[in-house]
Amino acid sequence: FGSSKQSAVVENTEIMGTENNLYFTFGGAQTIARVSKYEISKPGDTIDFVFIPSRIHFFDKQTEKSLF
């Protein structure tokens, strides 16, 4: 992933207290972005984002264990 801005449509949200999780599909994969509690997005909203490689986590679909 480069540092260019990407866009996606929010499919679901989860309020976690001090943070919110935004669920969306990107590149054919289910993706979750952890954002500030002040980022108020709802399903159907289009969000813009940039991947930060050092902050990305990948999980095994079967075991749900972190790959790295």
PDB file of N, CA and C in Angstrom:
ATOM      1  N   PHE A   1       0.835  -1.184   0.000  1.00  0.00           N
ATOM      2  CA  PHE A   1       0.000   0.000   0.000  1.00  0.00           C
ATOM      3  C   PHE A   1       0.874   1.239   0.000  1.00  0.00           C
ATOM      4  N   GLY A   2       0.496   2.202  -0.778  1.00  0.00           N
ATOM      5  CA  GLY A   2       1.212   3.456  -0.781  1.00  0.00           C
ATOM      6  C   GLY A   2       0.591   4.420   0.205  1.00  0.00           C
ATOM      7  N   SER A   3       1.026   5.636   0.148  1.00  0.00           N
ATOM      8  CA  SER A   3       0.488   6.626   1.071  1.00  0.00           C
ATOM      9  C   SER A   3      -0.588   7.484   0.416  1.00  0.00           C
ATOM     10  N   SER A   4      -1.106   7.041  -0.723  1.00  0.00           N
ATOM     11  CA  SER A   4      -2.142   7.827  -1.386  1.00  0.00           C
ATOM     12  C   SER A   4      -3.487   7.631  -0.702  1.00  0.00           C
ATOM     13  N   LYS A   5      -4.316   8.640  -0.799  1.00  0.00           N
ATOM     14  CA  LYS A   5      -5.631   8.616  -0.170  1.00  0.00           C
ATOM     15  C   LYS A   5      -6.541   7.620  -0.878  1.00  0.00           C
ATOM     16  N   GLN A   6      -7.271   6.850  -0.093  1.00  0.00           N
ATOM     17  CA  GLN A   6      -8.231   5.873  -0.593  1.00  0.00           C
ATOM     18  C   GLN A   6      -9.615   6.266  -0.092  1.00  0.00           C
ATOM     19  N   SER A   7     -10.652   5.676  -0.675  1.00  0.00           N
ATOM     20  CA  SER A   7     -12.027   5.919  -0.239  1.00  0.00           C
ATOM     21  C   SER A   7     -12.773   4.604  -0.138  1.00  0.00           C
ATOM     22  N   ALA A   8     -13.766   4.567   0.747  1.00  0.00           N
ATOM     23  CA  ALA A   8     -14.619   3.386   0.900  1.00  0.00           C
ATOM     24  C   ALA A   8     -15.937   3.828   1.521  1.00  0.00           C
ATOM     25  N   VAL A   9     -16.943   2.969   1.396  1.00  0.00           N
ATOM     26  CA  VAL A   9     -18.248   3.235   1.987  1.00  0.00           C
ATOM     27  C   VAL A   9     -18.358   2.426   3.279  1.00  0.00           C
ATOM     28  N   VAL A  10     -18.704   3.098   4.366  1.00  0.00           N
ATOM     29  CA  VAL A  10     -18.859   2.450   5.665  1.00  0.00           C
ATOM     30  C   VAL A  10     -20.054   1.490   5.595  1.00  0.00           C
ATOM     31  N   GLU A  11     -19.830   0.241   6.009  1.00  0.00           N
ATOM     32  CA  GLU A  11     -20.883  -0.768   6.016  1.00  0.00           C
ATOM     33  C   GLU A  11     -21.511  -0.921   7.398  1.00  0.00           C
ATOM     34  N   ASN A  12     -20.701  -0.707   8.439  1.00  0.00           N
ATOM     35  CA  ASN A  12     -21.182  -0.842   9.805  1.00  0.00           C
ATOM     36  C   ASN A  12     -20.263  -0.060  10.719  1.00  0.00           C
ATOM     37  N   THR A  13     -20.755   0.284  11.896  1.00  0.00           N
ATOM     38  CA  THR A  13     -19.936   0.975  12.886  1.00  0.00           C
ATOM     39  C   THR A  13     -20.093   0.278  14.230  1.00  0.00           C
ATOM     40  N   GLU A  14     -19.092   0.443  15.080  1.00  0.00           N
ATOM     41  CA  GLU A  14     -19.116  -0.128  16.421  1.00  0.00           C
ATOM     42  C   GLU A  14     -18.506   0.899  17.365  1.00  0.00           C
ATOM     43  N   ILE A  15     -19.298   1.352  18.333  1.00  0.00           N
ATOM     44  CA  ILE A  15     -18.828   2.335  19.303  1.00  0.00           C
ATOM     45  C   ILE A  15     -18.159   1.578  20.444  1.00  0.00           C
ATOM     46  N   MET A  16     -16.892   1.919  20.711  1.00  0.00           N
ATOM     47  CA  MET A  16     -16.093   1.168  21.677  1.00  0.00           C
ATOM     48  C   MET A  16     -15.694   2.008  22.899  1.00  0.00           C
ATOM     49  N   GLY A  17     -16.326   3.111  23.138  1.00  0.00           N
ATOM     50  CA  GLY A  17     -15.952   3.968  24.265  1.00  0.00           C
ATOM     51  C   GLY A  17     -15.043   5.083  23.821  1.00  0.00           C
ATOM     52  N   THR A  18     -13.720   4.871  23.943  1.00  0.00           N
ATOM     53  CA  THR A  18     -12.774   5.916  23.558  1.00  0.00           C
ATOM     54  C   THR A  18     -12.448   5.879  22.074  1.00  0.00           C
ATOM     55  N   GLU A  19     -12.906   4.826  21.382  1.00  0.00           N
ATOM     56  CA  GLU A  19     -12.668   4.678  19.947  1.00  0.00           C
ATOM     57  C   GLU A  19     -13.921   4.132  19.278  1.00  0.00           C
ATOM     58  N   ASN A  20     -13.970   4.270  17.961  1.00  0.00           N
ATOM     59  CA  ASN A  20     -15.027   3.661  17.156  1.00  0.00           C
ATOM     60  C   ASN A  20     -14.373   2.780  16.102  1.00  0.00           C
ATOM     61  N   ASN A  21     -15.017   1.688  15.761  1.00  0.00           N
ATOM     62  CA  ASN A  21     -14.554   0.840  14.663  1.00  0.00           C
ATOM     63  C   ASN A  21     -15.460   1.084  13.467  1.00  0.00           C
ATOM     64  N   LEU A  22     -14.852   1.300  12.306  1.00  0.00           N
ATOM     65  CA  LEU A  22     -15.594   1.454  11.062  1.00  0.00           C
ATOM     66  C   LEU A  22     -15.321   0.228  10.203  1.00  0.00           C
ATOM     67  N   TYR A  23     -16.354  -0.433   9.739  1.00  0.00           N
ATOM     68  CA  TYR A  23     -16.238  -1.636   8.923  1.00  0.00           C
ATOM     69  C   TYR A  23     -16.549  -1.282   7.475  1.00  0.00           C
ATOM     70  N   PHE A  24     -15.684  -1.735   6.571  1.00  0.00           N
ATOM     71  CA  PHE A  24     -15.893  -1.479   5.144  1.00  0.00           C
ATOM     72  C   PHE A  24     -15.135  -2.520   4.346  1.00  0.00           C
ATOM     73  N   THR A  25     -15.445  -2.621   3.061  1.00  0.00           N
ATOM     74  CA  THR A  25     -14.741  -3.534   2.172  1.00  0.00           C
ATOM     75  C   THR A  25     -13.780  -2.721   1.330  1.00  0.00           C
ATOM     76  N   PHE A  26     -12.523  -3.183   1.280  1.00  0.00           N
ATOM     77  CA  PHE A  26     -11.512  -2.512   0.489  1.00  0.00           C
ATOM     78  C   PHE A  26     -10.682  -3.574  -0.210  1.00  0.00           C
ATOM     79  N   GLY A  27     -10.579  -3.492  -1.520  1.00  0.00           N
ATOM     80  CA  GLY A  27      -9.801  -4.472  -2.279  1.00  0.00           C
ATOM     81  C   GLY A  27     -10.336  -5.887  -2.130  1.00  0.00           C
ATOM     82  N   GLY A  28     -11.646  -6.018  -1.926  1.00  0.00           N
ATOM     83  CA  GLY A  28     -12.263  -7.330  -1.780  1.00  0.00           C
ATOM     84  C   GLY A  28     -12.131  -7.943  -0.402  1.00  0.00           C
ATOM     85  N   ALA A  29     -11.544  -7.218   0.540  1.00  0.00           N
ATOM     86  CA  ALA A  29     -11.347  -7.748   1.896  1.00  0.00           C
ATOM     87  C   ALA A  29     -12.112  -6.907   2.910  1.00  0.00           C
ATOM     88  N   GLN A  30     -12.685  -7.601   3.906  1.00  0.00           N
ATOM     89  CA  GLN A  30     -13.337  -6.872   4.994  1.00  0.00           C
ATOM     90  C   GLN A  30     -12.258  -6.142   5.771  1.00  0.00           C
ATOM     91  N   THR A  31     -12.486  -4.864   6.016  1.00  0.00           N
ATOM     92  CA  THR A  31     -11.499  -4.012   6.658  1.00  0.00           C
ATOM     93  C   THR A  31     -12.141  -3.296   7.830  1.00  0.00           C
ATOM     94  N   ILE A  32     -11.380  -3.136   8.900  1.00  0.00           N
ATOM     95  CA  ILE A  32     -11.861  -2.413  10.070  1.00  0.00           C
ATOM     96  C   ILE A  32     -10.864  -1.300  10.363  1.00  0.00           C
ATOM     97  N   ALA A  33     -11.374  -0.090  10.490  1.00  0.00           N
ATOM     98  CA  ALA A  33     -10.525   1.047  10.860  1.00  0.00           C
ATOM     99  C   ALA A  33     -10.900   1.473  12.270  1.00  0.00           C
ATOM    100  N   ARG A  34      -9.909   1.555  13.142  1.00  0.00           N
ATOM    101  CA  ARG A  34     -10.125   2.055  14.495  1.00  0.00           C
ATOM    102  C   ARG A  34      -9.872   3.556  14.459  1.00  0.00           C
ATOM    103  N   VAL A  35     -10.889   4.333  14.830  1.00  0.00           N
ATOM    104  CA  VAL A  35     -10.802   5.794  14.737  1.00  0.00           C
ATOM    105  C   VAL A  35     -11.177   6.426  16.072  1.00  0.00           C
ATOM    106  N   SER A  36     -10.921   7.707  16.182  1.00  0.00           N
ATOM    107  CA  SER A  36     -11.262   8.469  17.379  1.00  0.00           C
ATOM    108  C   SER A  36     -12.765   8.412  17.644  1.00  0.00           C
ATOM    109  N   LYS A  37     -13.132   8.499  18.917  1.00  0.00           N
ATOM    110  CA  LYS A  37     -14.556   8.525  19.267  1.00  0.00           C
ATOM    111  C   LYS A  37     -15.258   9.747  18.686  1.00  0.00           C
ATOM    112  N   TYR A  38     -14.475  10.737  18.286  1.00  0.00           N
ATOM    113  CA  TYR A  38     -15.048  11.945  17.702  1.00  0.00           C
ATOM    114  C   TYR A  38     -15.312  11.804  16.206  1.00  0.00           C
ATOM    115  N   GLU A  39     -14.835  10.708  15.594  1.00  0.00           N
ATOM    116  CA  GLU A  39     -15.113  10.418  14.180  1.00  0.00           C
ATOM    117  C   GLU A  39     -16.483   9.754  14.122  1.00  0.00           C
ATOM    118  N   ILE A  40     -17.476  10.514  13.777  1.00  0.00           N
ATOM    119  CA  ILE A  40     -18.850  10.016  13.744  1.00  0.00           C
ATOM    120  C   ILE A  40     -19.217   9.704  12.295  1.00  0.00           C
ATOM    121  N   SER A  41     -19.136   8.440  11.931  1.00  0.00           N
ATOM    122  CA  SER A  41     -19.546   7.981  10.603  1.00  0.00           C
ATOM    123  C   SER A  41     -20.641   6.960  10.788  1.00  0.00           C
ATOM    124  N   LYS A  42     -21.494   6.847   9.804  1.00  0.00           N
ATOM    125  CA  LYS A  42     -22.589   5.874   9.876  1.00  0.00           C
ATOM    126  C   LYS A  42     -22.623   5.069   8.578  1.00  0.00           C
ATOM    127  N   PRO A  43     -23.268   3.904   8.601  1.00  0.00           N
ATOM    128  CA  PRO A  43     -23.352   3.102   7.378  1.00  0.00           C
ATOM    129  C   PRO A  43     -23.874   3.927   6.208  1.00  0.00           C
ATOM    130  N   GLY A  44     -23.196   3.778   5.074  1.00  0.00           N
ATOM    131  CA  GLY A  44     -23.550   4.525   3.869  1.00  0.00           C
ATOM    132  C   GLY A  44     -22.665   5.739   3.639  1.00  0.00           C
ATOM    133  N   ASP A  45     -21.976   6.208   4.696  1.00  0.00           N
ATOM    134  CA  ASP A  45     -21.061   7.344   4.546  1.00  0.00           C
ATOM    135  C   ASP A  45     -19.821   6.919   3.763  1.00  0.00           C
ATOM    136  N   THR A  46     -19.295   7.804   2.939  1.00  0.00           N
ATOM    137  CA  THR A  46     -18.022   7.570   2.267  1.00  0.00           C
ATOM    138  C   THR A  46     -16.930   8.192   3.120  1.00  0.00           C
ATOM    139  N   ILE A  47     -15.890   7.399   3.395  1.00  0.00           N
ATOM    140  CA  ILE A  47     -14.761   7.896   4.173  1.00  0.00           C
ATOM    141  C   ILE A  47     -13.511   7.904   3.304  1.00  0.00           C
ATOM    142  N   ASP A  48     -12.606   8.813   3.584  1.00  0.00           N
ATOM    143  CA  ASP A  48     -11.285   8.870   2.955  1.00  0.00           C
ATOM    144  C   ASP A  48     -10.267   8.464   4.018  1.00  0.00           C
ATOM    145  N   PHE A  49      -9.254   7.710   3.605  1.00  0.00           N
ATOM    146  CA  PHE A  49      -8.255   7.248   4.559  1.00  0.00           C
ATOM    147  C   PHE A  49      -6.935   6.989   3.863  1.00  0.00           C
ATOM    148  N   VAL A  50      -5.890   6.877   4.665  1.00  0.00           N
ATOM    149  CA  VAL A  50      -4.547   6.550   4.195  1.00  0.00           C
ATOM    150  C   VAL A  50      -4.046   5.402   5.063  1.00  0.00           C
ATOM    151  N   PHE A  51      -3.490   4.355   4.456  1.00  0.00           N
ATOM    152  CA  PHE A  51      -2.907   3.253   5.206  1.00  0.00           C
ATOM    153  C   PHE A  51      -1.559   3.681   5.777  1.00  0.00           C
ATOM    154  N   ILE A  52      -1.330   3.362   7.036  1.00  0.00           N
ATOM    155  CA  ILE A  52      -0.034   3.577   7.680  1.00  0.00           C
ATOM    156  C   ILE A  52       0.540   2.186   7.933  1.00  0.00           C
ATOM    157  N   PRO A  53       1.516   1.754   7.111  1.00  0.00           N
ATOM    158  CA  PRO A  53       2.008   0.371   7.183  1.00  0.00           C
ATOM    159  C   PRO A  53       2.378  -0.105   8.578  1.00  0.00           C
ATOM    160  N   SER A  54       2.957   0.729   9.396  1.00  0.00           N
ATOM    161  CA  SER A  54       3.364   0.307  10.742  1.00  0.00           C
ATOM    162  C   SER A  54       2.181   0.079  11.676  1.00  0.00           C
ATOM    163  N   ARG A  55       0.981   0.491  11.265  1.00  0.00           N
ATOM    164  CA  ARG A  55      -0.212   0.355  12.104  1.00  0.00           C
ATOM    165  C   ARG A  55      -1.189  -0.691  11.581  1.00  0.00           C
ATOM    166  N   ILE A  56      -0.842  -1.392  10.500  1.00  0.00           N
ATOM    167  CA  ILE A  56      -1.736  -2.383   9.909  1.00  0.00           C
ATOM    168  C   ILE A  56      -1.546  -3.737  10.591  1.00  0.00           C
ATOM    169  N   HIS A  57      -2.660  -4.416  10.863  1.00  0.00           N
ATOM    170  CA  HIS A  57      -2.639  -5.760  11.425  1.00  0.00           C
ATOM    171  C   HIS A  57      -3.418  -6.676  10.496  1.00  0.00           C
ATOM    172  N   PHE A  58      -2.879  -7.869  10.229  1.00  0.00           N
ATOM    173  CA  PHE A  58      -3.548  -8.866   9.400  1.00  0.00           C
ATOM    174  C   PHE A  58      -3.900 -10.069  10.264  1.00  0.00           C
ATOM    175  N   PHE A  59      -5.087 -10.654  10.022  1.00  0.00           N
ATOM    176  CA  PHE A  59      -5.557 -11.786  10.810  1.00  0.00           C
ATOM    177  C   PHE A  59      -5.906 -12.952   9.909  1.00  0.00           C
ATOM    178  N   ASP A  60      -5.644 -14.170  10.397  1.00  0.00           N
ATOM    179  CA  ASP A  60      -6.028 -15.392   9.702  1.00  0.00           C
ATOM    180  C   ASP A  60      -7.547 -15.507   9.737  1.00  0.00           C
ATOM    181  N   LYS A  61      -8.166 -15.715   8.595  1.00  0.00           N
ATOM    182  CA  LYS A  61      -9.627 -15.766   8.501  1.00  0.00           C
ATOM    183  C   LYS A  61     -10.209 -16.931   9.295  1.00  0.00           C
ATOM    184  N   GLN A  62      -9.511 -18.062   9.319  1.00  0.00           N
ATOM    185  CA  GLN A  62     -10.013 -19.254  10.014  1.00  0.00           C
ATOM    186  C   GLN A  62      -9.813 -19.174  11.516  1.00  0.00           C
ATOM    187  N   THR A  63      -8.610 -18.835  11.945  1.00  0.00           N
ATOM    188  CA  THR A  63      -8.286 -18.860  13.372  1.00  0.00           C
ATOM    189  C   THR A  63      -8.493 -17.513  14.059  1.00  0.00           C
ATOM    190  N   GLU A  64      -8.585 -16.448  13.264  1.00  0.00           N
ATOM    191  CA  GLU A  64      -8.697 -15.076  13.759  1.00  0.00           C
ATOM    192  C   GLU A  64      -7.464 -14.645  14.551  1.00  0.00           C
ATOM    193  N   LYS A  65      -6.361 -15.384  14.428  1.00  0.00           N
ATOM    194  CA  LYS A  65      -5.112 -15.015  15.091  1.00  0.00           C
ATOM    195  C   LYS A  65      -4.356 -14.005  14.228  1.00  0.00           C
ATOM    196  N   SER A  66      -3.628 -13.121  14.908  1.00  0.00           N
ATOM    197  CA  SER A  66      -2.840 -12.104  14.210  1.00  0.00           C
ATOM    198  C   SER A  66      -1.704 -12.755  13.448  1.00  0.00           C
ATOM    199  N   LEU A  67      -1.554 -12.390  12.172  1.00  0.00           N
ATOM    200  CA  LEU A  67      -0.450 -12.901  11.353  1.00  0.00           C
ATOM    201  C   LEU A  67       0.786 -12.041  11.543  1.00  0.00           C
ATOM    202  N   PHE A  68       0.595 -10.735  11.638  1.00  0.00           N
ATOM    203  CA  PHE A  68       1.665  -9.774  11.939  1.00  0.00           C
ATOM    204  C   PHE A  68       1.078  -8.406  12.040  1.00  0.00           C
TER     205      PHE A  68
END
